[in-house]
Amino acid sequence: MTKKALVVLPAITLIGIGFYFIFATSPLVRYWVDDFCSATLLRNNGYFASQVIWWKSWTGRFSYIAALDFFELIGPWAVRVLPVLLLGFLIVSLKSFYRFGKILPVLFIFLTLFNAPNIIQSFYWQTGSLNYIAPFIFLNVFLGILAFPPKNIKIFLPAVLLFIAGGFSEAYALAQIVLLTFALAAVRLTTFAKKEQRLKIVLSGIVGAILTLGIMSLSPGNAARANTVTHPESIKFVIVSTLYGTKWYLLRMLSIKPFVYSLFSLFTSILVLVKPIKIKMRDSLVLGGLSILTVIFTTAAVVGSGFYSMAIIPPERTLFIAIYMIFLSFTVFSFVLAPLIQKNSKLIWVVAAVNLITSFFLIKSVISNWSGVYKEVKTYAVTWDGAEKDLPLLKDIPPVGGLDSFTDNKGWVASCVAGYYKLPGVKIRPHDDKITK
């Protein structure tokens, strides 16, 4: 068996498993929690009026609301194809990087999904996926332009891409600005070709990223949403909590074996499948150091956004942003580290052989975890489809993905369902949480 086969076979297996579970699980997705509320608002007010209402009363996430209402305009069946659609766009958005091999970009996408803290919340839930996964489609296109600058590029294009991307969530917008800051440092401190062109691309992206964060902060609805959460005690509390939270999260991830195996799989794939890249030692050290700093500070941006806005660490779906940034930064780290090892063929054989072993355990973990996701989503779908004709029994439908049940938050979700199905008589009894007519 060749070194390439030791890497390609596990990679294809992982990708195949991912495709299987995504195509098997997606048809079982239904409206969950907030989906009922936003769909009701859209139906009662229309697409454009809903944008204004969201802006004034709840959030400034203009890209997210525009995308959410677009899919809800199609109908509830759209949530069943959205995961597959997002996967397709993520894979296509990495088109520029297929020159390194067809497997590598696809493997990268699936490894990030495998390691999502809560894949139901961040990938299968319409609200979560459009908040925290959709922006990476635009970022991937931007990174392709930055890595391989075309001869004739409109200088406003990077700004537009990251302006749209930032408008999906504040946490992503902050992490994006941190990423761009280190990208700017990388362009300035390295000796790669097309330096001036890359500098213009990054600066254009920074303008778009800052502009979108500023626009979101102007939304009057932010104040209304802020009233529903706990406020931090002070800026000192936010800073200290962010430092401890970031340290805890990164160390926690490093203690999770499938995560470590995933990083090793990505590194080995780059080491074996990508042709040796000529890079100066100085540039390797600069990019390697900046990659590590990017992991730390983008994670801190995501964690800090939670402590700043809610005085707690962000929900698992939000932490997907940190996971994606970690894998993105690690990819760059692997590209600059690989040339140092590729000169030693014996060491490559050892790494490839170890990867074959760790991939076995990674594949086993992926099958186990995603099977659990499939069963949980299916249980909800079957129960919901059976109860849809008798909505007063909503309390018997179990929550999915750690999201609120119909009786949480004083029956807020149930009231959204009642509004969606035009059943004003459905309500929550104050003491026993039973839903009655």
Protein backbone atom coordinates (compact mmCIF):
# COMPACT_ATOMS: atom_id res chain seq x y z
CA MET A 1 0.00 0.00 0.00
CA THR A 2 1.37 3.43 -0.96
CA LYS A 3 1.64 6.47 1.31
CA LYS A 4 -1.07 8.14 -0.74
CA ALA A 5 -3.43 5.20 -0.29
CA LEU A 6 -2.88 5.28 3.49
CA VAL A 7 -4.27 8.81 3.47
CA VAL A 8 -6.78 8.77 0.62
CA LEU A 9 -8.73 5.69 1.73
CA PRO A 10 -9.53 7.00 5.26
CA ALA A 11 -10.31 10.44 3.81
CA ILE A 12 -12.75 9.04 1.25
CA THR A 13 -14.35 6.92 3.97
CA LEU A 14 -14.85 9.96 6.21
CA ILE A 15 -16.28 11.99 3.35
CA GLY A 16 -18.56 9.13 2.34
CA ILE A 17 -19.89 8.74 5.89
CA GLY A 18 -20.53 12.47 6.05
CA PHE A 19 -22.45 12.49 2.79
CA TYR A 20 -24.49 9.48 3.87
CA PHE A 21 -25.62 10.96 7.17
CA ILE A 22 -26.30 14.41 5.75
CA PHE A 23 -28.48 13.02 2.96
CA ALA A 24 -30.15 10.59 5.38
CA THR A 25 -30.82 13.13 8.13
CA SER A 26 -31.77 16.23 6.15
CA PRO A 27 -35.23 14.94 5.02
CA LEU A 28 -36.11 14.50 8.71
CA VAL A 29 -35.51 18.14 9.62
CA ARG A 30 -38.58 20.11 10.64
CA TYR A 31 -39.28 23.57 12.02
CA TRP A 32 -37.78 23.89 15.50
CA VAL A 33 -38.22 26.57 18.16
CA ASP A 34 -37.59 30.06 16.64
CA ASP A 35 -38.48 28.84 13.15
CA PHE A 36 -42.19 29.01 14.00
CA CYS A 37 -41.93 32.59 15.28
CA SER A 38 -39.96 33.99 12.36
CA ALA A 39 -42.18 32.16 9.84
CA THR A 40 -45.30 33.60 11.48
CA LEU A 41 -43.85 37.11 11.43
CA LEU A 42 -42.97 36.74 7.76
CA ARG A 43 -46.42 35.46 6.80
CA ASN A 44 -48.21 38.22 8.69
CA ASN A 45 -46.08 41.10 7.42
CA GLY A 46 -44.43 40.12 4.15
CA TYR A 47 -40.75 39.87 3.27
CA PHE A 48 -39.61 43.51 3.21
CA ALA A 49 -41.75 44.66 6.13
CA SER A 50 -40.33 41.78 8.18
CA GLN A 51 -36.80 43.06 7.57
CA VAL A 52 -37.77 46.41 9.06
CA ILE A 53 -39.57 44.83 12.03
CA TRP A 54 -36.57 42.62 12.86
CA TRP A 55 -34.24 45.62 12.61
CA LYS A 56 -36.35 47.79 14.87
CA SER A 57 -37.45 45.23 17.42
CA TRP A 58 -34.85 42.46 17.74
CA THR A 59 -31.62 42.32 15.72
CA GLY A 60 -29.34 44.07 13.26
CA ARG A 61 -28.16 40.83 11.63
CA PHE A 62 -29.30 41.94 8.18
CA SER A 63 -27.71 39.11 6.16
CA TYR A 64 -29.12 36.47 8.48
CA ILE A 65 -32.65 37.90 8.49
CA ALA A 66 -32.64 38.33 4.71
CA ALA A 67 -31.55 34.69 4.25
CA LEU A 68 -33.89 33.34 6.95
CA ASP A 69 -36.96 35.05 5.53
CA PHE A 70 -36.00 33.98 2.01
CA PHE A 71 -36.01 30.30 2.94
CA GLU A 72 -39.15 30.64 5.04
CA LEU A 73 -40.79 32.35 2.09
CA ILE A 74 -40.27 29.10 0.16
CA GLY A 75 -42.09 27.09 2.82
CA PRO A 76 -41.38 24.69 5.70
CA TRP A 77 -40.05 22.03 3.33
CA ALA A 78 -37.01 24.26 2.68
CA VAL A 79 -35.45 23.23 6.01
CA ARG A 80 -35.17 19.69 4.68
CA VAL A 81 -32.92 20.72 1.79
CA LEU A 82 -31.06 23.57 3.51
CA PRO A 83 -28.33 21.35 5.09
CA VAL A 84 -27.54 19.75 1.73
CA LEU A 85 -27.63 23.16 0.05
CA LEU A 86 -25.26 24.68 2.62
CA LEU A 87 -22.90 21.73 2.27
CA GLY A 88 -22.86 22.18 -1.50
CA PHE A 89 -22.14 25.90 -1.25
CA LEU A 90 -19.36 25.30 1.30
CA ILE A 91 -17.67 22.79 -1.00
CA VAL A 92 -18.05 24.98 -4.10
CA SER A 93 -16.84 28.08 -2.23
CA LEU A 94 -13.44 26.39 -1.80
CA LYS A 95 -13.11 26.02 -5.58
CA SER A 96 -9.84 27.98 -5.70
CA PHE A 97 -8.19 25.47 -3.39
CA TYR A 98 -8.96 22.42 -5.52
CA ARG A 99 -5.59 22.94 -7.20
CA PHE A 100 -4.17 21.27 -4.08
CA GLY A 101 -6.29 18.19 -4.77
CA LYS A 102 -9.98 17.40 -5.00
CA ILE A 103 -10.12 15.54 -1.69
CA LEU A 104 -8.49 18.09 0.60
CA PRO A 105 -11.10 20.92 0.48
CA VAL A 106 -13.98 18.46 0.89
CA LEU A 107 -12.23 16.70 3.77
CA PHE A 108 -11.69 20.09 5.41
CA ILE A 109 -15.42 20.84 5.31
CA PHE A 110 -16.43 17.49 6.77
CA LEU A 111 -13.81 17.64 9.52
CA THR A 112 -15.21 20.99 10.67
CA LEU A 113 -18.74 19.57 10.64
CA PHE A 114 -17.66 16.41 12.50
CA ASN A 115 -16.24 18.61 15.26
CA ALA A 116 -19.17 20.99 15.58
CA PRO A 117 -19.95 21.29 19.32
CA ASN A 118 -23.60 20.66 18.49
CA ILE A 119 -24.20 19.79 14.85
CA ILE A 120 -27.98 19.80 15.28
CA GLN A 121 -27.96 23.41 16.47
CA SER A 122 -25.33 24.70 14.08
CA PHE A 123 -26.04 22.70 10.91
CA TYR A 124 -29.50 21.12 10.91
CA TRP A 125 -31.39 23.90 12.66
CA GLN A 126 -32.31 26.55 10.11
CA THR A 127 -31.79 29.43 12.53
CA GLY A 128 -28.41 28.12 13.69
CA SER A 129 -27.03 27.22 10.27
CA LEU A 130 -27.89 30.57 8.70
CA ASN A 131 -26.35 32.39 11.65
CA TYR A 132 -23.11 30.49 12.03
CA ILE A 133 -22.34 28.39 8.94
CA ALA A 134 -23.61 30.47 6.00
CA PRO A 135 -21.05 33.30 6.51
CA PHE A 136 -18.16 30.91 5.87
CA ILE A 137 -19.33 30.46 2.28
CA PHE A 138 -18.46 34.12 1.63
CA LEU A 139 -15.26 33.93 3.68
CA ASN A 140 -14.08 30.91 1.67
CA VAL A 141 -14.51 32.81 -1.59
CA PHE A 142 -12.61 35.76 -0.12
CA LEU A 143 -9.75 33.50 1.02
CA GLY A 144 -9.57 32.01 -2.47
CA ILE A 145 -9.16 35.48 -3.93
CA LEU A 146 -6.51 36.33 -1.33
CA ALA A 147 -4.53 33.12 -1.85
CA PHE A 148 -4.70 33.26 -5.65
CA PRO A 149 -5.26 36.91 -6.68
CA PRO A 150 -6.79 37.11 -10.18
CA LYS A 151 -5.26 39.49 -12.69
CA ASN A 152 -8.31 41.69 -12.93
CA ILE A 153 -10.30 41.98 -9.72
CA LYS A 154 -12.74 44.66 -8.70
CA ILE A 155 -11.28 46.07 -5.51
CA PHE A 156 -14.73 46.42 -3.95
CA LEU A 157 -15.47 42.67 -4.29
CA PRO A 158 -13.60 41.56 -1.12
CA ALA A 159 -15.38 44.29 0.85
CA VAL A 160 -18.77 43.16 -0.46
CA LEU A 161 -18.08 39.51 0.35
CA LEU A 162 -17.07 40.19 3.94
CA PHE A 163 -19.76 42.82 4.38
CA ILE A 164 -22.37 40.16 3.60
CA ALA A 165 -20.57 37.54 5.71
CA GLY A 166 -20.37 39.78 8.77
CA GLY A 167 -24.07 40.52 8.63
CA PHE A 168 -24.98 37.00 9.77
CA SER A 169 -23.93 37.43 13.43
CA GLU A 170 -21.94 39.69 15.72
CA ALA A 171 -19.79 36.84 17.00
CA TYR A 172 -18.76 35.90 13.48
CA ALA A 173 -18.17 39.54 12.53
CA LEU A 174 -15.76 39.96 15.47
CA ALA A 175 -13.90 36.74 14.67
CA GLN A 176 -13.71 37.80 11.02
CA ILE A 177 -12.06 41.12 11.91
CA VAL A 178 -9.52 39.31 14.11
CA LEU A 179 -8.77 36.88 11.27
CA LEU A 180 -8.28 39.76 8.82
CA THR A 181 -5.96 41.53 11.24
CA PHE A 182 -3.64 38.53 11.27
CA ALA A 183 -4.05 38.10 7.49
CA LEU A 184 -2.88 41.70 7.10
CA ALA A 185 0.13 40.96 9.30
CA ALA A 186 0.89 37.85 7.23
CA VAL A 187 0.87 39.82 3.97
CA ARG A 188 3.05 42.58 5.41
CA LEU A 189 5.60 40.33 7.12
CA THR A 190 6.13 37.63 4.46
CA THR A 191 7.98 37.79 1.16
CA PHE A 192 5.45 36.09 -1.10
CA ALA A 193 4.72 37.44 -4.59
CA LYS A 194 1.82 39.79 -5.43
CA LYS A 195 2.29 41.53 -2.09
CA GLU A 196 0.66 44.81 -3.10
CA GLN A 197 -2.31 43.08 -4.70
CA ARG A 198 -2.89 40.93 -1.62
CA LEU A 199 -2.56 43.98 0.61
CA LYS A 200 -5.34 45.74 -1.29
CA ILE A 201 -7.55 42.64 -1.06
CA VAL A 202 -7.12 42.39 2.72
CA LEU A 203 -7.67 46.12 3.28
CA SER A 204 -10.80 46.00 1.15
CA GLY A 205 -12.04 43.06 3.22
CA ILE A 206 -11.32 44.90 6.47
CA VAL A 207 -13.38 47.88 5.29
CA GLY A 208 -16.34 45.62 4.55
CA ALA A 209 -15.98 43.73 7.84
CA ILE A 210 -15.80 46.87 9.99
CA LEU A 211 -18.66 48.50 8.11
CA THR A 212 -20.99 45.54 8.66
CA LEU A 213 -20.23 45.41 12.39
CA GLY A 214 -20.94 49.12 12.66
CA ILE A 215 -24.25 48.82 10.83
CA MET A 216 -25.41 45.92 13.01
CA SER A 217 -24.60 47.91 16.14
CA LEU A 218 -26.96 50.70 14.98
CA SER A 219 -30.04 48.46 15.12
CA PRO A 220 -32.61 49.69 17.68
CA GLY A 221 -33.62 46.07 18.17
CA ASN A 222 -30.32 45.28 19.91
CA ALA A 223 -31.55 47.02 23.05
CA ALA A 224 -34.74 44.95 23.10
CA ARG A 225 -32.80 41.69 22.72
CA ALA A 226 -30.32 42.79 25.40
CA ASN A 227 -33.18 43.12 27.89
CA THR A 228 -33.82 39.38 27.65
CA VAL A 229 -30.36 38.30 28.86
CA THR A 230 -28.12 38.80 31.88
CA HIS A 231 -25.74 41.75 31.60
CA PRO A 232 -22.03 41.49 32.51
CA GLU A 233 -20.92 43.07 35.76
CA SER A 234 -18.13 45.14 34.22
CA ILE A 235 -15.58 45.28 31.42
CA LYS A 236 -13.10 43.68 33.82
CA PHE A 237 -15.48 40.74 34.23
CA VAL A 238 -15.72 40.38 30.45
CA ILE A 239 -11.94 40.46 29.94
CA VAL A 240 -11.14 38.04 32.77
CA SER A 241 -13.96 35.67 31.80
CA THR A 242 -12.86 35.75 28.17
CA LEU A 243 -9.28 34.86 29.08
CA TYR A 244 -10.31 31.98 31.31
CA GLY A 245 -13.04 30.88 28.91
CA THR A 246 -10.68 30.83 25.93
CA LYS A 247 -8.05 28.87 27.84
CA TRP A 248 -10.66 26.40 29.08
CA TYR A 249 -12.22 25.88 25.65
CA LEU A 250 -8.96 25.33 23.76
CA LEU A 251 -7.60 22.95 26.41
CA ARG A 252 -10.93 21.14 26.45
CA MET A 253 -10.82 20.66 22.67
CA LEU A 254 -7.28 19.31 22.86
CA SER A 255 -8.49 16.74 25.39
CA ILE A 256 -11.10 15.39 22.95
CA LYS A 257 -9.53 12.53 20.99
CA PRO A 258 -11.70 12.78 17.81
CA PHE A 259 -10.75 16.48 17.57
CA VAL A 260 -7.04 15.67 17.82
CA TYR A 261 -7.44 12.82 15.33
CA SER A 262 -9.19 15.24 12.96
CA LEU A 263 -6.32 17.72 13.14
CA PHE A 264 -3.85 14.92 12.51
CA SER A 265 -5.90 13.71 9.54
CA LEU A 266 -5.90 17.20 8.02
CA PHE A 267 -2.17 17.63 8.58
CA THR A 268 -1.33 14.21 7.12
CA SER A 269 -3.50 14.85 4.06
CA ILE A 270 -1.64 18.09 3.37
CA LEU A 271 1.72 16.43 4.03
CA VAL A 272 1.14 13.51 1.67
CA LEU A 273 -1.23 14.83 -1.00
CA VAL A 274 0.09 18.35 -1.59
CA LYS A 275 3.24 18.83 -3.63
CA PRO A 276 6.16 20.38 -1.70
CA ILE A 277 5.85 24.14 -1.51
CA LYS A 278 8.92 26.34 -1.75
CA ILE A 279 8.87 28.59 1.27
CA LYS A 280 11.58 30.45 3.13
CA MET A 281 12.28 29.47 6.71
CA ARG A 282 11.51 32.99 7.87
CA ASP A 283 8.12 32.96 6.17
CA SER A 284 7.38 29.55 7.68
CA LEU A 285 8.06 30.85 11.16
CA VAL A 286 5.99 34.00 10.59
CA LEU A 287 2.98 32.16 9.18
CA GLY A 288 3.22 29.38 11.76
CA GLY A 289 3.30 31.87 14.62
CA LEU A 290 0.46 33.95 13.18
CA SER A 291 -1.63 30.80 12.69
CA ILE A 292 -1.30 29.92 16.37
CA LEU A 293 -2.16 33.48 17.41
CA THR A 294 -5.17 33.44 15.07
CA VAL A 295 -6.51 30.32 16.79
CA ILE A 296 -6.21 31.94 20.21
CA PHE A 297 -7.61 35.35 19.34
CA THR A 298 -10.47 34.25 17.06
CA THR A 299 -11.56 31.85 19.79
CA ALA A 300 -11.29 34.68 22.29
CA ALA A 301 -13.43 36.88 20.03
CA VAL A 302 -16.19 34.27 19.94
CA VAL A 303 -15.99 33.49 23.66
CA GLY A 304 -15.77 37.18 24.52
CA SER A 305 -18.87 37.98 22.47
CA GLY A 306 -20.84 35.69 24.77
CA PHE A 307 -19.54 37.21 27.99
CA TYR A 308 -20.01 40.74 26.64
CA SER A 309 -23.59 40.24 25.50
CA MET A 310 -24.91 37.62 27.95
CA ALA A 311 -22.30 37.31 30.74
CA ILE A 312 -21.91 33.62 29.85
CA ILE A 313 -19.97 31.53 27.33
CA PRO A 314 -21.77 31.47 23.95
CA PRO A 315 -24.15 28.63 23.00
CA GLU A 316 -22.67 25.55 21.33
CA ARG A 317 -23.98 26.63 17.92
CA THR A 318 -21.99 29.89 18.19
CA LEU A 319 -18.84 28.02 19.12
CA PHE A 320 -18.89 26.44 15.66
CA ILE A 321 -17.33 29.73 14.51
CA ALA A 322 -14.34 29.02 16.75
CA ILE A 323 -14.07 25.45 15.44
CA TYR A 324 -14.04 26.61 11.82
CA MET A 325 -11.43 29.27 12.57
CA ILE A 326 -9.29 26.68 14.38
CA PHE A 327 -9.32 24.30 11.42
CA LEU A 328 -8.73 27.18 9.01
CA SER A 329 -5.70 28.39 10.96
CA PHE A 330 -4.41 24.85 11.43
CA THR A 331 -4.60 24.33 7.67
CA VAL A 332 -2.26 27.27 7.13
CA PHE A 333 -0.01 25.95 9.90
CA SER A 334 0.11 22.56 8.19
CA PHE A 335 0.99 24.07 4.83
CA VAL A 336 4.03 25.86 6.25
CA LEU A 337 5.10 22.92 8.43
CA ALA A 338 4.73 20.22 5.76
CA PRO A 339 7.72 21.32 3.61
CA LEU A 340 10.02 20.80 6.61
CA ILE A 341 8.94 17.15 6.84
CA GLN A 342 8.49 16.30 3.16
CA LYS A 343 12.27 16.01 2.76
CA ASN A 344 12.23 12.94 5.00
CA SER A 345 10.41 10.12 3.21
CA LYS A 346 10.73 7.69 6.12
CA LEU A 347 9.05 10.12 8.51
CA ILE A 348 6.21 10.62 6.03
CA TRP A 349 5.65 6.86 5.99
CA VAL A 350 5.43 6.84 9.79
CA VAL A 351 2.97 9.76 9.83
CA ALA A 352 0.81 8.14 7.14
CA ALA A 353 0.76 4.81 9.02
CA VAL A 354 -0.21 6.50 12.28
CA ASN A 355 -2.94 8.39 10.41
CA LEU A 356 -4.40 5.10 9.21
CA ILE A 357 -4.69 3.95 12.83
CA THR A 358 -6.12 7.20 14.21
CA SER A 359 -8.54 7.40 11.28
CA PHE A 360 -10.04 4.09 12.35
CA PHE A 361 -10.94 5.54 15.75
CA LEU A 362 -12.08 8.81 14.17
CA ILE A 363 -14.38 6.99 11.75
CA LYS A 364 -15.78 4.92 14.59
CA SER A 365 -16.49 8.08 16.62
CA VAL A 366 -18.09 9.87 13.66
CA ILE A 367 -20.44 6.96 12.97
CA SER A 368 -21.42 6.73 16.63
CA ASN A 369 -22.02 10.45 17.12
CA TRP A 370 -23.82 11.07 13.83
CA SER A 371 -25.98 7.99 14.34
CA GLY A 372 -27.12 9.57 17.60
CA VAL A 373 -27.88 12.82 15.77
CA TYR A 374 -29.86 10.92 13.14
CA LYS A 375 -31.94 9.10 15.77
CA GLU A 376 -32.64 12.30 17.72
CA VAL A 377 -33.75 14.22 14.65
CA LYS A 378 -35.84 11.26 13.47
CA THR A 379 -37.53 10.91 16.86
CA TYR A 380 -38.55 14.56 16.74
CA ALA A 381 -39.74 14.29 13.13
CA VAL A 382 -41.85 11.18 13.75
CA THR A 383 -43.34 12.60 16.95
CA TRP A 384 -44.01 15.98 15.39
CA ASP A 385 -45.59 14.55 12.25
CA GLY A 386 -47.89 12.48 14.43
CA ALA A 387 -48.83 15.37 16.70
CA GLU A 388 -49.23 18.04 14.03
CA LYS A 389 -52.94 17.19 13.73
CA ASP A 390 -53.38 17.44 17.50
CA LEU A 391 -51.25 20.39 18.51
CA PRO A 392 -52.57 20.63 22.10
CA LEU A 393 -50.35 17.61 22.82
CA LEU A 394 -47.19 19.61 22.07
CA LYS A 395 -45.86 19.02 25.54
CA ASP A 396 -45.37 15.36 24.67
CA ILE A 397 -42.93 16.21 21.87
CA PRO A 398 -39.32 15.99 23.11
CA PRO A 399 -36.88 18.85 22.35
CA VAL A 400 -34.14 18.22 19.80
CA GLY A 401 -30.48 19.18 19.84
CA GLY A 402 -30.60 20.68 23.31
CA LEU A 403 -33.00 23.37 22.07
CA ASP A 404 -35.98 24.56 24.06
CA SER A 405 -39.04 22.34 24.27
CA PHE A 406 -42.51 23.65 23.59
CA THR A 407 -43.08 24.26 27.30
CA ASP A 408 -39.82 26.10 28.06
CA ASN A 409 -39.65 29.86 28.40
CA LYS A 410 -43.21 29.98 29.76
CA GLY A 411 -44.62 28.41 26.62
CA TRP A 412 -43.14 30.99 24.29
CA VAL A 413 -42.37 28.38 21.63
CA ALA A 414 -45.88 26.90 21.93
CA SER A 415 -47.36 30.36 21.43
CA CYS A 416 -45.32 30.71 18.25
CA VAL A 417 -46.68 27.37 17.03
CA ALA A 418 -50.21 28.56 17.85
CA GLY A 419 -49.60 31.71 15.84
CA TYR A 420 -48.13 29.79 12.94
CA TYR A 421 -51.10 27.41 12.73
CA LYS A 422 -53.59 30.15 13.62
CA LEU A 423 -54.75 28.44 16.80
CA PRO A 424 -55.27 31.29 19.26
CA GLY A 425 -56.90 28.91 21.74
CA VAL A 426 -53.68 27.01 22.42
CA LYS A 427 -52.05 28.15 25.65
CA ILE A 428 -49.96 26.97 28.60
CA ARG A 429 -51.54 26.33 31.96
CA PRO A 430 -49.62 28.38 34.55
CA HIS A 431 -48.90 25.59 37.05
CA ASP A 432 -48.51 22.24 35.37
CA ASP A 433 -47.20 23.36 31.96
CA LYS A 434 -49.91 21.45 30.14
CA ILE A 435 -50.99 22.78 26.80
CA THR A 436 -54.72 22.95 26.38
CA LYS A 437 -57.36 24.42 24.13
